[in-house]
N, C-alpha and C. Protein backbone atom coordinates (compact mmCIF):
# COMPACT_ATOMS: atom_id res chain seq x y z
N MET A 1 159.62 151.45 36.68
CA MET A 1 160.22 151.09 37.96
C MET A 1 159.33 151.56 39.11
N LEU A 2 158.84 152.77 39.02
CA LEU A 2 157.96 153.33 40.04
C LEU A 2 156.63 152.56 40.11
N LYS A 3 156.15 152.17 38.92
CA LYS A 3 154.90 151.41 38.86
C LYS A 3 155.04 150.04 39.53
N GLN A 4 156.18 149.39 39.30
CA GLN A 4 156.43 148.08 39.91
C GLN A 4 156.51 148.18 41.42
N LYS A 5 157.15 149.27 41.91
CA LYS A 5 157.28 149.48 43.34
C LYS A 5 155.89 149.67 43.96
N PHE A 6 155.03 150.39 43.27
CA PHE A 6 153.68 150.63 43.76
C PHE A 6 152.88 149.33 43.84
N ASN A 7 153.04 148.50 42.82
CA ASN A 7 152.34 147.20 42.82
C ASN A 7 152.82 146.31 43.96
N ASN A 8 154.13 146.34 44.25
CA ASN A 8 154.67 145.54 45.35
C ASN A 8 154.08 145.97 46.69
N MET A 9 153.90 147.31 46.84
CA MET A 9 153.33 147.84 48.07
C MET A 9 151.88 147.37 48.23
N LYS A 10 151.11 147.35 47.13
CA LYS A 10 149.73 146.91 47.18
C LYS A 10 149.65 145.43 47.58
N THR A 11 150.58 144.66 47.02
CA THR A 11 150.59 143.22 47.32
C THR A 11 150.91 142.99 48.79
N THR A 12 151.87 143.73 49.33
CA THR A 12 152.26 143.59 50.74
C THR A 12 151.10 143.93 51.67
N LYS A 13 150.38 145.02 51.34
CA LYS A 13 149.24 145.44 52.15
C LYS A 13 148.11 144.40 52.10
N LEU A 14 147.90 143.81 50.91
CA LEU A 14 146.86 142.80 50.76
C LEU A 14 147.16 141.57 51.60
N ILE A 15 148.44 141.15 51.58
CA ILE A 15 148.84 139.98 52.38
C ILE A 15 148.66 140.25 53.86
N SER A 16 149.04 141.47 54.27
CA SER A 16 148.90 141.84 55.69
C SER A 16 147.44 141.84 56.11
N CYS A 17 146.59 142.35 55.21
CA CYS A 17 145.16 142.41 55.49
C CYS A 17 144.57 141.02 55.63
N LEU A 18 144.95 140.12 54.69
CA LEU A 18 144.46 138.75 54.75
C LEU A 18 144.93 138.04 56.02
N PHE A 19 146.16 138.32 56.44
CA PHE A 19 146.71 137.71 57.65
C PHE A 19 145.91 138.14 58.88
N LEU A 20 145.58 139.46 58.93
CA LEU A 20 144.81 139.97 60.05
C LEU A 20 143.41 139.36 60.10
N ILE A 21 142.78 139.22 58.91
CA ILE A 21 141.43 138.63 58.86
C ILE A 21 141.45 137.19 59.31
N SER A 22 142.43 136.43 58.81
CA SER A 22 142.52 135.02 59.18
C SER A 22 142.81 134.86 60.67
N SER A 23 143.63 135.74 61.22
CA SER A 23 143.94 135.68 62.64
C SER A 23 142.70 135.96 63.47
N PHE A 24 141.87 136.90 62.99
CA PHE A 24 140.65 137.26 63.71
C PHE A 24 139.70 136.05 63.78
N TYR A 25 139.52 135.37 62.64
CA TYR A 25 138.60 134.23 62.61
C TYR A 25 139.11 133.05 63.43
N VAL A 26 140.44 132.85 63.42
CA VAL A 26 141.00 131.76 64.22
C VAL A 26 140.77 132.01 65.70
N ASN A 27 141.00 133.27 66.12
CA ASN A 27 140.82 133.61 67.53
C ASN A 27 139.35 133.63 67.93
N ALA A 28 138.46 133.90 66.93
CA ALA A 28 137.03 133.99 67.23
C ALA A 28 136.39 132.64 67.41
N ILE A 29 136.97 131.58 66.82
CA ILE A 29 136.39 130.23 66.93
C ILE A 29 136.66 129.69 68.33
N PRO A 30 135.61 129.39 69.10
CA PRO A 30 135.82 128.89 70.47
C PRO A 30 136.43 127.50 70.46
N LEU A 31 137.34 127.27 71.35
CA LEU A 31 137.96 125.95 71.47
C LEU A 31 136.96 124.97 72.08
N LYS A 32 136.95 123.76 71.57
CA LYS A 32 136.07 122.75 72.12
C LYS A 32 136.49 122.40 73.55
N LYS A 33 135.48 122.35 74.43
CA LYS A 33 135.76 121.98 75.80
C LYS A 33 136.09 120.50 75.88
N GLU A 34 137.01 120.18 76.75
CA GLU A 34 137.38 118.78 76.92
C GLU A 34 136.22 118.01 77.52
N LYS A 35 135.91 116.89 76.93
CA LYS A 35 134.78 116.08 77.39
C LYS A 35 135.00 115.59 78.82
N ASN A 36 133.90 115.53 79.56
CA ASN A 36 133.96 115.01 80.92
C ASN A 36 134.27 113.53 80.86
N ASN A 37 135.42 113.15 81.38
CA ASN A 37 135.87 111.77 81.27
C ASN A 37 135.78 111.07 82.62
N GLU A 38 134.82 111.50 83.43
CA GLU A 38 134.68 110.92 84.76
C GLU A 38 134.21 109.47 84.65
N LEU A 39 134.82 108.62 85.45
CA LEU A 39 134.46 107.20 85.45
C LEU A 39 133.05 107.02 86.00
N CYS A 40 132.22 106.25 85.29
CA CYS A 40 130.86 106.01 85.76
C CYS A 40 130.43 104.60 85.38
N ILE A 41 129.38 104.13 86.06
CA ILE A 41 128.86 102.78 85.84
C ILE A 41 127.39 102.89 85.46
N GLU A 42 127.02 102.38 84.30
CA GLU A 42 125.63 102.27 83.89
C GLU A 42 125.27 100.79 83.83
N TYR A 43 123.97 100.49 83.88
CA TYR A 43 123.59 99.07 83.90
C TYR A 43 122.16 98.88 83.41
N THR A 44 121.88 97.66 83.00
CA THR A 44 120.52 97.20 82.73
C THR A 44 120.28 95.98 83.62
N LYS A 45 119.03 95.80 84.03
CA LYS A 45 118.76 94.68 84.93
C LYS A 45 117.44 94.01 84.57
N SER A 46 117.32 92.75 84.96
CA SER A 46 116.07 92.00 84.86
C SER A 46 115.75 91.48 86.25
N ASP A 47 114.58 91.86 86.76
CA ASP A 47 114.19 91.42 88.09
C ASP A 47 113.78 89.95 88.09
N VAL A 48 113.68 89.37 89.27
CA VAL A 48 113.23 87.98 89.43
C VAL A 48 111.80 87.88 88.91
N THR A 49 111.51 86.84 88.14
CA THR A 49 110.19 86.71 87.52
C THR A 49 109.14 86.17 88.48
N CYS A 50 109.51 85.19 89.31
CA CYS A 50 108.55 84.56 90.22
C CYS A 50 109.14 84.51 91.62
N PHE A 51 108.27 84.62 92.60
CA PHE A 51 108.69 84.57 94.00
C PHE A 51 109.47 83.28 94.27
N GLY A 52 110.67 83.44 94.87
CA GLY A 52 111.48 82.27 95.21
C GLY A 52 112.46 81.85 94.13
N LYS A 53 112.33 82.39 92.92
CA LYS A 53 113.25 82.02 91.84
C LYS A 53 114.55 82.82 91.92
N THR A 54 115.56 82.35 91.20
CA THR A 54 116.85 83.04 91.15
C THR A 54 117.23 83.27 89.69
N ASP A 55 116.41 84.06 88.99
CA ASP A 55 116.66 84.30 87.57
C ASP A 55 116.86 85.78 87.27
N GLY A 56 117.27 86.55 88.27
CA GLY A 56 117.58 87.96 88.04
C GLY A 56 118.88 88.12 87.27
N LYS A 57 119.08 89.30 86.67
CA LYS A 57 120.28 89.52 85.85
C LYS A 57 120.68 90.99 85.89
N ILE A 58 121.99 91.25 85.92
CA ILE A 58 122.54 92.60 85.83
C ILE A 58 123.65 92.61 84.78
N GLU A 59 123.61 93.58 83.90
CA GLU A 59 124.64 93.73 82.87
C GLU A 59 125.20 95.15 82.94
N LEU A 60 126.52 95.27 83.06
CA LEU A 60 127.17 96.56 83.25
C LEU A 60 127.61 97.18 81.93
N ASP A 61 127.71 98.52 81.95
CA ASP A 61 128.27 99.29 80.84
C ASP A 61 129.10 100.40 81.47
N ILE A 62 130.44 100.29 81.37
CA ILE A 62 131.34 101.26 82.00
C ILE A 62 131.57 102.43 81.05
N CYS A 63 131.40 103.65 81.57
CA CYS A 63 131.60 104.84 80.75
C CYS A 63 132.68 105.72 81.39
N GLY A 64 133.40 106.47 80.53
CA GLY A 64 134.43 107.37 81.03
C GLY A 64 135.64 106.63 81.56
N GLY A 65 136.49 107.38 82.29
CA GLY A 65 137.70 106.78 82.83
C GLY A 65 138.67 106.36 81.73
N LYS A 66 139.60 105.54 82.09
CA LYS A 66 140.58 105.04 81.13
C LYS A 66 140.72 103.54 81.28
N ALA A 67 140.53 102.83 80.16
CA ALA A 67 140.68 101.38 80.16
C ALA A 67 142.15 101.01 80.33
N PRO A 68 142.44 99.81 80.82
CA PRO A 68 141.49 98.74 81.18
C PRO A 68 140.87 98.98 82.56
N TYR A 69 139.76 98.24 82.81
CA TYR A 69 139.03 98.40 84.06
C TYR A 69 139.09 97.11 84.87
N ILE A 70 138.99 97.26 86.17
CA ILE A 70 138.86 96.11 87.07
C ILE A 70 137.47 96.19 87.70
N VAL A 71 136.69 95.12 87.55
CA VAL A 71 135.31 95.07 88.06
C VAL A 71 135.25 94.05 89.19
N VAL A 72 134.78 94.51 90.36
CA VAL A 72 134.69 93.62 91.52
C VAL A 72 133.30 93.77 92.15
N TRP A 73 132.56 92.65 92.24
CA TRP A 73 131.25 92.65 92.89
C TRP A 73 131.40 92.38 94.38
N ASP A 74 130.35 92.68 95.13
CA ASP A 74 130.41 92.48 96.58
C ASP A 74 130.52 91.02 96.98
N ASN A 75 130.21 90.10 96.06
CA ASN A 75 130.34 88.68 96.35
C ASN A 75 131.67 88.11 95.85
N GLY A 76 132.55 89.01 95.38
CA GLY A 76 133.89 88.57 94.95
C GLY A 76 134.01 88.23 93.49
N CYS A 77 132.93 88.31 92.73
CA CYS A 77 132.98 87.97 91.30
C CYS A 77 133.60 89.12 90.49
N TYR A 78 134.25 88.75 89.38
CA TYR A 78 134.83 89.72 88.45
C TYR A 78 134.15 89.51 87.10
N SER A 79 133.10 90.25 86.83
CA SER A 79 132.34 90.01 85.60
C SER A 79 131.52 91.24 85.24
N MET A 80 131.29 91.42 83.93
CA MET A 80 130.43 92.50 83.46
C MET A 80 128.97 92.10 83.50
N VAL A 81 128.70 90.79 83.61
CA VAL A 81 127.33 90.28 83.62
C VAL A 81 127.16 89.33 84.81
N MET A 82 126.10 89.53 85.56
CA MET A 82 125.77 88.64 86.68
C MET A 82 124.43 87.98 86.39
N ASN A 83 124.39 86.65 86.42
CA ASN A 83 123.18 85.89 86.13
C ASN A 83 122.72 85.11 87.36
N ASN A 84 121.51 84.56 87.26
CA ASN A 84 120.96 83.67 88.29
C ASN A 84 120.93 84.34 89.67
N LEU A 85 120.45 85.58 89.70
CA LEU A 85 120.43 86.35 90.95
C LEU A 85 119.09 86.20 91.66
N ARG A 86 119.13 86.15 92.98
CA ARG A 86 117.92 86.22 93.79
C ARG A 86 117.65 87.70 94.09
N ASN A 87 116.51 87.98 94.66
CA ASN A 87 116.20 89.37 94.95
C ASN A 87 117.11 89.90 96.07
N GLY A 88 117.37 91.19 96.05
CA GLY A 88 118.25 91.80 97.04
C GLY A 88 119.07 92.92 96.44
N GLU A 89 119.95 93.50 97.27
CA GLU A 89 120.80 94.61 96.82
C GLU A 89 122.19 94.09 96.50
N TYR A 90 122.74 94.56 95.40
CA TYR A 90 124.09 94.19 94.96
C TYR A 90 124.90 95.47 94.76
N SER A 91 126.20 95.38 95.02
CA SER A 91 127.08 96.52 94.78
C SER A 91 128.28 96.07 93.95
N VAL A 92 128.75 96.97 93.10
CA VAL A 92 129.89 96.67 92.24
C VAL A 92 130.84 97.87 92.25
N LYS A 93 132.13 97.57 92.26
CA LYS A 93 133.17 98.60 92.27
C LYS A 93 134.02 98.46 91.02
N VAL A 94 134.26 99.59 90.35
CA VAL A 94 135.07 99.60 89.13
C VAL A 94 136.27 100.52 89.35
N CYS A 95 137.45 100.04 88.97
CA CYS A 95 138.68 100.81 89.06
C CYS A 95 139.31 100.90 87.67
N ASP A 96 139.71 102.12 87.26
CA ASP A 96 140.29 102.26 85.91
C ASP A 96 141.81 102.32 85.98
N ALA A 97 142.45 102.54 84.80
CA ALA A 97 143.91 102.50 84.70
C ALA A 97 144.57 103.65 85.45
N ARG A 98 143.83 104.73 85.74
CA ARG A 98 144.38 105.87 86.49
C ARG A 98 144.21 105.72 87.99
N GLY A 99 143.53 104.64 88.40
CA GLY A 99 143.29 104.44 89.82
C GLY A 99 142.02 105.07 90.32
N LYS A 100 141.22 105.64 89.42
CA LYS A 100 139.94 106.22 89.80
C LYS A 100 138.93 105.09 90.04
N THR A 101 138.03 105.29 90.99
CA THR A 101 137.05 104.26 91.31
C THR A 101 135.62 104.81 91.26
N ALA A 102 134.69 103.91 90.99
CA ALA A 102 133.26 104.24 91.01
C ALA A 102 132.53 103.05 91.61
N ILE A 103 131.46 103.33 92.37
CA ILE A 103 130.67 102.28 93.01
C ILE A 103 129.21 102.46 92.63
N GLN A 104 128.53 101.37 92.31
CA GLN A 104 127.11 101.40 91.97
C GLN A 104 126.36 100.37 92.80
N TYR A 105 125.19 100.79 93.32
CA TYR A 105 124.32 99.89 94.07
C TYR A 105 123.08 99.58 93.23
N ILE A 106 122.74 98.31 93.13
CA ILE A 106 121.64 97.86 92.26
C ILE A 106 120.72 96.94 93.05
N ILE A 107 119.42 97.17 92.93
CA ILE A 107 118.43 96.34 93.64
C ILE A 107 117.68 95.46 92.65
N ILE A 108 117.73 94.16 92.88
CA ILE A 108 116.95 93.19 92.11
C ILE A 108 115.67 92.90 92.91
N GLU A 109 114.53 93.15 92.27
CA GLU A 109 113.25 92.99 92.96
C GLU A 109 112.57 91.67 92.58
N THR A 110 111.57 91.31 93.35
CA THR A 110 110.81 90.08 93.09
C THR A 110 109.34 90.37 93.32
N PRO A 111 108.45 89.75 92.55
CA PRO A 111 107.02 89.94 92.80
C PRO A 111 106.62 89.23 94.09
N PRO A 112 105.52 89.66 94.73
CA PRO A 112 105.05 88.96 95.93
C PRO A 112 104.59 87.55 95.60
N GLN A 113 104.54 86.72 96.59
CA GLN A 113 104.16 85.32 96.41
C GLN A 113 102.72 85.21 95.91
N LEU A 114 102.52 84.35 94.94
CA LEU A 114 101.19 84.08 94.40
C LEU A 114 100.41 83.26 95.42
N GLN A 115 99.21 83.76 95.81
CA GLN A 115 98.45 83.10 96.86
C GLN A 115 96.95 83.16 96.58
N LEU A 116 96.23 82.28 97.29
CA LEU A 116 94.78 82.32 97.32
C LEU A 116 94.33 82.76 98.70
N SER A 117 93.50 83.80 98.76
CA SER A 117 92.94 84.26 100.02
C SER A 117 91.51 83.72 100.13
N PHE A 118 91.31 82.78 101.05
CA PHE A 118 90.02 82.10 101.16
C PHE A 118 89.03 82.92 101.98
N ASN A 119 87.74 82.59 101.79
CA ASN A 119 86.65 83.28 102.49
C ASN A 119 86.72 84.79 102.29
N SER A 120 87.01 85.18 101.07
CA SER A 120 87.11 86.59 100.76
C SER A 120 85.75 87.18 100.43
N SER A 121 85.55 88.43 100.82
CA SER A 121 84.31 89.13 100.47
C SER A 121 84.35 89.59 99.01
N THR A 122 85.55 89.61 98.43
CA THR A 122 85.71 89.97 97.01
C THR A 122 85.43 88.76 96.14
N LYS A 123 84.52 88.90 95.21
CA LYS A 123 84.20 87.80 94.30
C LYS A 123 85.13 87.82 93.09
N THR A 124 85.65 86.65 92.73
CA THR A 124 86.55 86.52 91.59
C THR A 124 85.90 85.64 90.54
N PHE A 125 85.82 86.14 89.31
CA PHE A 125 85.20 85.38 88.23
C PHE A 125 86.13 84.26 87.77
N VAL A 126 85.58 83.05 87.62
CA VAL A 126 86.33 81.88 87.17
C VAL A 126 85.73 81.41 85.86
N ASP A 127 86.44 81.67 84.79
CA ASP A 127 85.90 81.37 83.46
C ASP A 127 85.77 79.87 83.22
N ALA A 128 86.58 79.07 83.92
CA ALA A 128 86.55 77.62 83.70
C ALA A 128 85.18 77.03 83.99
N VAL A 129 84.43 77.66 84.88
CA VAL A 129 83.10 77.14 85.22
C VAL A 129 82.01 78.17 84.95
N GLY A 130 82.41 79.35 84.48
CA GLY A 130 81.42 80.39 84.23
C GLY A 130 80.72 80.83 85.50
N GLY A 131 81.50 81.10 86.53
CA GLY A 131 80.92 81.51 87.80
C GLY A 131 81.90 82.30 88.63
N GLU A 132 81.52 82.56 89.87
CA GLU A 132 82.33 83.34 90.79
C GLU A 132 82.72 82.50 91.99
N MET A 133 83.88 82.82 92.58
CA MET A 133 84.30 82.11 93.78
C MET A 133 84.59 83.12 94.89
N ASN A 134 84.57 82.64 96.11
CA ASN A 134 84.81 83.51 97.26
C ASN A 134 86.27 83.46 97.72
N ALA A 135 87.17 83.11 96.81
CA ALA A 135 88.61 83.14 97.09
C ALA A 135 89.24 84.20 96.18
N LYS A 136 90.11 85.01 96.75
CA LYS A 136 90.75 86.08 95.99
C LYS A 136 92.18 85.69 95.64
N ILE A 137 92.58 85.93 94.40
CA ILE A 137 93.95 85.66 93.96
C ILE A 137 94.78 86.91 94.22
N ILE A 138 95.88 86.75 94.93
CA ILE A 138 96.74 87.89 95.24
C ILE A 138 98.19 87.55 94.92
N GLY A 139 99.00 88.60 94.79
CA GLY A 139 100.43 88.41 94.56
C GLY A 139 100.75 88.14 93.10
N GLY A 140 101.98 87.69 92.87
CA GLY A 140 102.43 87.42 91.51
C GLY A 140 102.49 88.67 90.66
N SER A 141 102.41 88.47 89.35
CA SER A 141 102.43 89.58 88.38
C SER A 141 101.25 89.42 87.44
N PRO A 142 100.09 89.90 87.84
CA PRO A 142 98.89 89.73 87.00
C PRO A 142 98.94 90.58 85.75
N TRP A 143 98.14 90.20 84.75
CA TRP A 143 97.91 91.08 83.62
C TRP A 143 97.12 92.28 84.12
N GLU A 144 97.48 93.47 83.68
CA GLU A 144 96.76 94.68 84.08
C GLU A 144 96.04 95.24 82.86
N ILE A 145 94.72 95.25 82.92
CA ILE A 145 93.90 95.78 81.83
C ILE A 145 92.91 96.77 82.42
N GLU A 146 93.07 98.04 82.04
CA GLU A 146 92.20 99.11 82.53
C GLU A 146 92.11 99.09 84.06
N ASN A 147 93.31 99.05 84.68
CA ASN A 147 93.43 99.10 86.15
C ASN A 147 92.76 97.92 86.86
N THR A 148 92.57 96.83 86.14
CA THR A 148 92.02 95.62 86.73
C THR A 148 93.00 94.48 86.54
N SER A 149 93.19 93.67 87.59
CA SER A 149 94.15 92.57 87.55
C SER A 149 93.48 91.29 87.05
N TYR A 150 94.18 90.56 86.20
CA TYR A 150 93.66 89.31 85.65
C TYR A 150 94.68 88.19 85.83
N TYR A 151 94.17 86.99 86.11
CA TYR A 151 94.99 85.79 86.19
C TYR A 151 94.34 84.70 85.32
N PHE A 152 95.13 83.69 84.96
CA PHE A 152 94.62 82.55 84.22
C PHE A 152 94.50 81.38 85.20
N SER A 153 93.34 80.75 85.25
CA SER A 153 93.16 79.65 86.20
C SER A 153 92.62 78.40 85.53
N LYS A 154 92.87 77.27 86.18
CA LYS A 154 92.38 75.98 85.70
C LYS A 154 91.84 75.17 86.88
N ILE A 155 90.89 74.31 86.58
CA ILE A 155 90.39 73.35 87.56
C ILE A 155 90.66 71.95 87.01
N ASN A 156 91.37 71.15 87.80
CA ASN A 156 91.81 69.83 87.33
C ASN A 156 92.54 69.93 85.99
N ASN A 157 93.37 70.96 85.87
CA ASN A 157 94.21 71.20 84.68
C ASN A 157 93.40 71.50 83.42
N GLN A 158 92.17 71.93 83.58
CA GLN A 158 91.32 72.27 82.44
C GLN A 158 90.90 73.74 82.55
N SER A 159 91.01 74.44 81.44
CA SER A 159 90.65 75.85 81.44
C SER A 159 89.15 76.06 81.22
N PHE A 160 88.44 74.99 80.83
CA PHE A 160 86.99 75.08 80.67
C PHE A 160 86.36 73.73 80.97
N LEU A 161 85.38 73.73 81.85
CA LEU A 161 84.66 72.51 82.21
C LEU A 161 83.23 72.60 81.69
N GLU A 162 82.86 71.66 80.83
CA GLU A 162 81.51 71.66 80.28
C GLU A 162 80.50 71.21 81.35
N ASN A 163 79.27 71.68 81.17
CA ASN A 163 78.18 71.33 82.08
C ASN A 163 78.56 71.59 83.53
N SER A 164 79.16 72.76 83.76
CA SER A 164 79.64 73.08 85.11
C SER A 164 78.51 73.13 86.13
N GLU A 165 77.26 73.35 85.65
CA GLU A 165 76.14 73.40 86.58
C GLU A 165 75.84 72.03 87.18
N ASN A 166 76.42 70.98 86.58
CA ASN A 166 76.19 69.62 87.10
C ASN A 166 77.40 69.07 87.85
N LEU A 167 78.42 69.89 88.06
CA LEU A 167 79.61 69.41 88.75
C LEU A 167 79.30 69.09 90.21
N PRO A 168 79.78 67.97 90.70
CA PRO A 168 79.54 67.62 92.11
C PRO A 168 80.50 68.36 93.03
N ASP A 169 80.07 68.60 94.24
CA ASP A 169 80.98 69.14 95.24
C ASP A 169 82.06 68.09 95.53
N GLY A 170 83.24 68.57 95.85
CA GLY A 170 84.29 67.62 96.17
C GLY A 170 85.67 68.22 96.02
N GLU A 171 86.67 67.33 96.00
CA GLU A 171 88.06 67.77 95.93
C GLU A 171 88.48 67.98 94.48
N TYR A 172 89.13 69.12 94.25
CA TYR A 172 89.63 69.48 92.92
C TYR A 172 91.02 70.09 93.06
N THR A 173 91.75 70.10 91.95
CA THR A 173 93.04 70.79 91.90
C THR A 173 92.83 72.13 91.23
N PHE A 174 93.09 73.20 91.96
CA PHE A 174 92.89 74.55 91.44
C PHE A 174 94.25 75.19 91.21
N SER A 175 94.50 75.66 89.99
CA SER A 175 95.79 76.27 89.67
C SER A 175 95.60 77.67 89.10
N VAL A 176 96.55 78.53 89.41
CA VAL A 176 96.53 79.93 88.97
C VAL A 176 97.86 80.25 88.30
N GLU A 177 97.81 80.96 87.18
CA GLU A 177 99.03 81.37 86.46
C GLU A 177 98.99 82.87 86.22
N ASP A 178 100.14 83.55 86.42
CA ASP A 178 100.19 84.99 86.20
C ASP A 178 100.88 85.33 84.89
N ALA A 179 101.10 86.62 84.65
CA ALA A 179 101.64 87.08 83.37
C ALA A 179 103.08 86.64 83.13
N HIS A 180 103.82 86.28 84.18
CA HIS A 180 105.20 85.83 84.04
C HIS A 180 105.31 84.31 83.95
N GLY A 181 104.16 83.64 83.97
CA GLY A 181 104.19 82.18 83.91
C GLY A 181 104.38 81.53 85.26
N CYS A 182 104.26 82.31 86.34
CA CYS A 182 104.36 81.74 87.68
C CYS A 182 103.05 81.01 87.99
N ILE A 183 103.16 79.82 88.57
CA ILE A 183 101.98 78.97 88.78
C ILE A 183 101.84 78.58 90.25
N LEU A 184 100.61 78.70 90.74
CA LEU A 184 100.26 78.20 92.06
C LEU A 184 99.23 77.09 91.88
N THR A 185 99.50 75.93 92.45
CA THR A 185 98.58 74.80 92.36
C THR A 185 98.23 74.33 93.76
N LYS A 186 96.93 74.24 94.05
CA LYS A 186 96.50 73.81 95.38
C LYS A 186 95.33 72.84 95.27
N PRO A 187 95.37 71.77 96.06
CA PRO A 187 94.17 70.92 96.18
C PRO A 187 93.17 71.62 97.10
N VAL A 188 91.94 71.74 96.66
CA VAL A 188 90.92 72.43 97.43
C VAL A 188 89.62 71.65 97.40
N LEU A 189 88.73 71.99 98.29
CA LEU A 189 87.37 71.45 98.28
C LEU A 189 86.46 72.54 97.70
N ILE A 190 85.78 72.22 96.61
CA ILE A 190 84.90 73.20 95.97
C ILE A 190 83.45 72.84 96.26
N ASP A 191 82.74 73.82 96.78
CA ASP A 191 81.32 73.69 97.07
C ASP A 191 80.58 74.50 96.00
N PHE A 192 80.01 73.80 95.02
CA PHE A 192 79.32 74.46 93.91
C PHE A 192 77.89 74.85 94.30
N THR A 193 77.50 76.02 93.85
CA THR A 193 76.14 76.51 94.07
C THR A 193 75.63 77.12 92.78
N LEU A 194 74.44 76.73 92.37
CA LEU A 194 73.82 77.37 91.21
C LEU A 194 73.32 78.74 91.61
N SER A 195 73.27 79.64 90.67
CA SER A 195 72.80 80.99 90.97
C SER A 195 71.31 80.98 91.32
N THR A 196 70.61 79.90 90.96
CA THR A 196 69.16 79.83 91.21
C THR A 196 68.79 78.81 92.28
N MET A 197 69.68 77.80 92.46
CA MET A 197 69.35 76.77 93.46
C MET A 197 70.62 76.09 93.92
N LYS A 198 70.56 75.44 95.05
CA LYS A 198 71.70 74.75 95.63
C LYS A 198 71.77 73.32 95.14
N ASN A 199 72.98 72.88 94.77
CA ASN A 199 73.16 71.47 94.43
C ASN A 199 72.80 70.59 95.62
N VAL A 200 72.17 69.47 95.36
CA VAL A 200 71.83 68.55 96.43
C VAL A 200 73.07 67.72 96.73
N THR A 201 73.65 67.93 97.92
CA THR A 201 74.90 67.26 98.27
C THR A 201 74.83 66.80 99.71
N SER A 202 75.23 65.58 99.97
CA SER A 202 75.22 65.07 101.34
C SER A 202 76.35 65.71 102.13
N GLU A 203 76.19 65.81 103.42
CA GLU A 203 77.19 66.44 104.27
C GLU A 203 78.50 65.65 104.25
N THR A 204 78.41 64.32 104.15
CA THR A 204 79.62 63.50 104.17
C THR A 204 80.47 63.73 102.92
N THR A 205 79.84 64.11 101.83
CA THR A 205 80.59 64.29 100.58
C THR A 205 81.57 65.46 100.67
N ILE A 206 81.20 66.50 101.39
CA ILE A 206 82.02 67.71 101.38
C ILE A 206 82.90 67.83 102.62
N LYS A 207 82.96 66.78 103.45
CA LYS A 207 83.86 66.84 104.59
C LYS A 207 85.29 66.64 104.11
N SER A 208 86.16 67.55 104.54
CA SER A 208 87.55 67.48 104.09
C SER A 208 88.40 68.41 104.94
N ASP A 209 89.68 68.09 105.02
CA ASP A 209 90.63 68.97 105.73
C ASP A 209 91.15 70.08 104.82
N LEU A 210 90.76 70.04 103.56
CA LEU A 210 91.23 71.05 102.61
C LEU A 210 90.47 72.36 102.78
N GLN A 211 91.10 73.43 102.27
CA GLN A 211 90.43 74.72 102.26
C GLN A 211 89.23 74.66 101.33
N VAL A 212 88.15 75.34 101.71
CA VAL A 212 86.92 75.30 100.94
C VAL A 212 86.77 76.56 100.09
N ILE A 213 86.45 76.34 98.81
CA ILE A 213 86.11 77.44 97.91
C ILE A 213 84.64 77.28 97.52
N LYS A 214 83.87 78.31 97.73
CA LYS A 214 82.48 78.28 97.30
C LYS A 214 82.37 78.96 95.95
N MET A 215 81.84 78.22 94.97
CA MET A 215 81.68 78.75 93.62
C MET A 215 80.21 78.81 93.26
N THR A 216 79.80 79.97 92.79
CA THR A 216 78.43 80.17 92.34
C THR A 216 78.41 80.13 90.83
N ILE A 217 77.75 79.12 90.28
CA ILE A 217 77.69 78.94 88.83
C ILE A 217 76.60 79.85 88.26
N ILE A 218 77.01 80.68 87.30
CA ILE A 218 76.08 81.61 86.67
C ILE A 218 75.67 81.06 85.31
N ASP A 219 74.48 81.40 84.88
CA ASP A 219 73.99 80.98 83.57
C ASP A 219 74.98 81.43 82.50
N HIS A 220 75.51 80.47 81.70
CA HIS A 220 76.53 80.80 80.70
C HIS A 220 76.04 81.82 79.68
N SER A 221 74.76 81.84 79.43
CA SER A 221 74.24 82.80 78.44
C SER A 221 74.34 84.23 78.94
N LEU A 222 74.53 84.38 80.24
CA LEU A 222 74.64 85.73 80.81
C LEU A 222 76.08 86.16 81.01
N CYS A 223 77.03 85.25 80.70
CA CYS A 223 78.45 85.56 80.94
C CYS A 223 79.14 85.95 79.66
N SER A 224 80.07 86.87 79.78
CA SER A 224 80.94 87.21 78.64
C SER A 224 82.28 86.57 78.90
N VAL A 225 82.69 85.69 78.00
CA VAL A 225 83.93 84.96 78.18
C VAL A 225 85.10 85.90 77.95
N VAL A 226 86.08 85.83 78.84
CA VAL A 226 87.24 86.72 78.76
C VAL A 226 88.49 85.91 78.44
N GLY A 227 88.37 84.88 77.62
CA GLY A 227 89.53 84.13 77.13
C GLY A 227 90.35 83.47 78.22
N GLY A 228 89.71 82.99 79.28
CA GLY A 228 90.44 82.24 80.29
C GLY A 228 91.08 83.11 81.36
N LEU A 229 90.94 84.44 81.26
CA LEU A 229 91.53 85.31 82.26
C LEU A 229 90.54 85.51 83.41
N GLU A 230 91.10 85.46 84.63
CA GLU A 230 90.26 85.62 85.81
C GLU A 230 90.35 87.05 86.28
N MET A 231 89.21 87.68 86.53
CA MET A 231 89.17 89.08 86.93
C MET A 231 89.13 89.18 88.44
N VAL A 232 89.96 90.08 88.97
CA VAL A 232 89.95 90.36 90.41
C VAL A 232 89.58 91.80 90.60
N ASP A 233 88.48 92.07 91.28
CA ASP A 233 88.04 93.45 91.51
C ASP A 233 89.02 94.17 92.41
């Protein structure tokens, strides 16, 4: 009887000890902090590809808050995605089920207008004729290779003209294309000059109201072809 009583006491003490240990570990485990559920607006955007186009895009991703949400743009639209945007600033307001609001301002950008700057002191290589011209290509979105801008150009819709040293002076269609596929096409008067001698051309042949581009044709054996890309220093 005494032995049984002693065993019961040991069991009681063991249970009490285990209870204290378990209580210690429960109290020692830090409670997880409640996640920040603040309403916020995230987005991805695509800028306008070419000057004057309206192909920008904004797509929203609402985080936090409590669904459902009400989305209102500054132009009165209710949408998570906005397409066919021109360049400019847009604002969107989101309201959640608790009445909390968030506002985001988004800027859609556009590249500068693709242009030809005539009578430029900067020489631009034209692979179509294997020579240089005194017109500089500016604007658009050129290919950037080793901090140098490149454009793709054509003369009379051709990326390469054979026997360019024999081309007559006169009116041509000159077109430029950038990395986004934006194209500038202009009728121009081209005055060809060989690197060693001047083409024999009558004055009446080159009279025109068009802008004049002077092209110096270089010996093709001295040129390294750059796959139709025009280099701008």
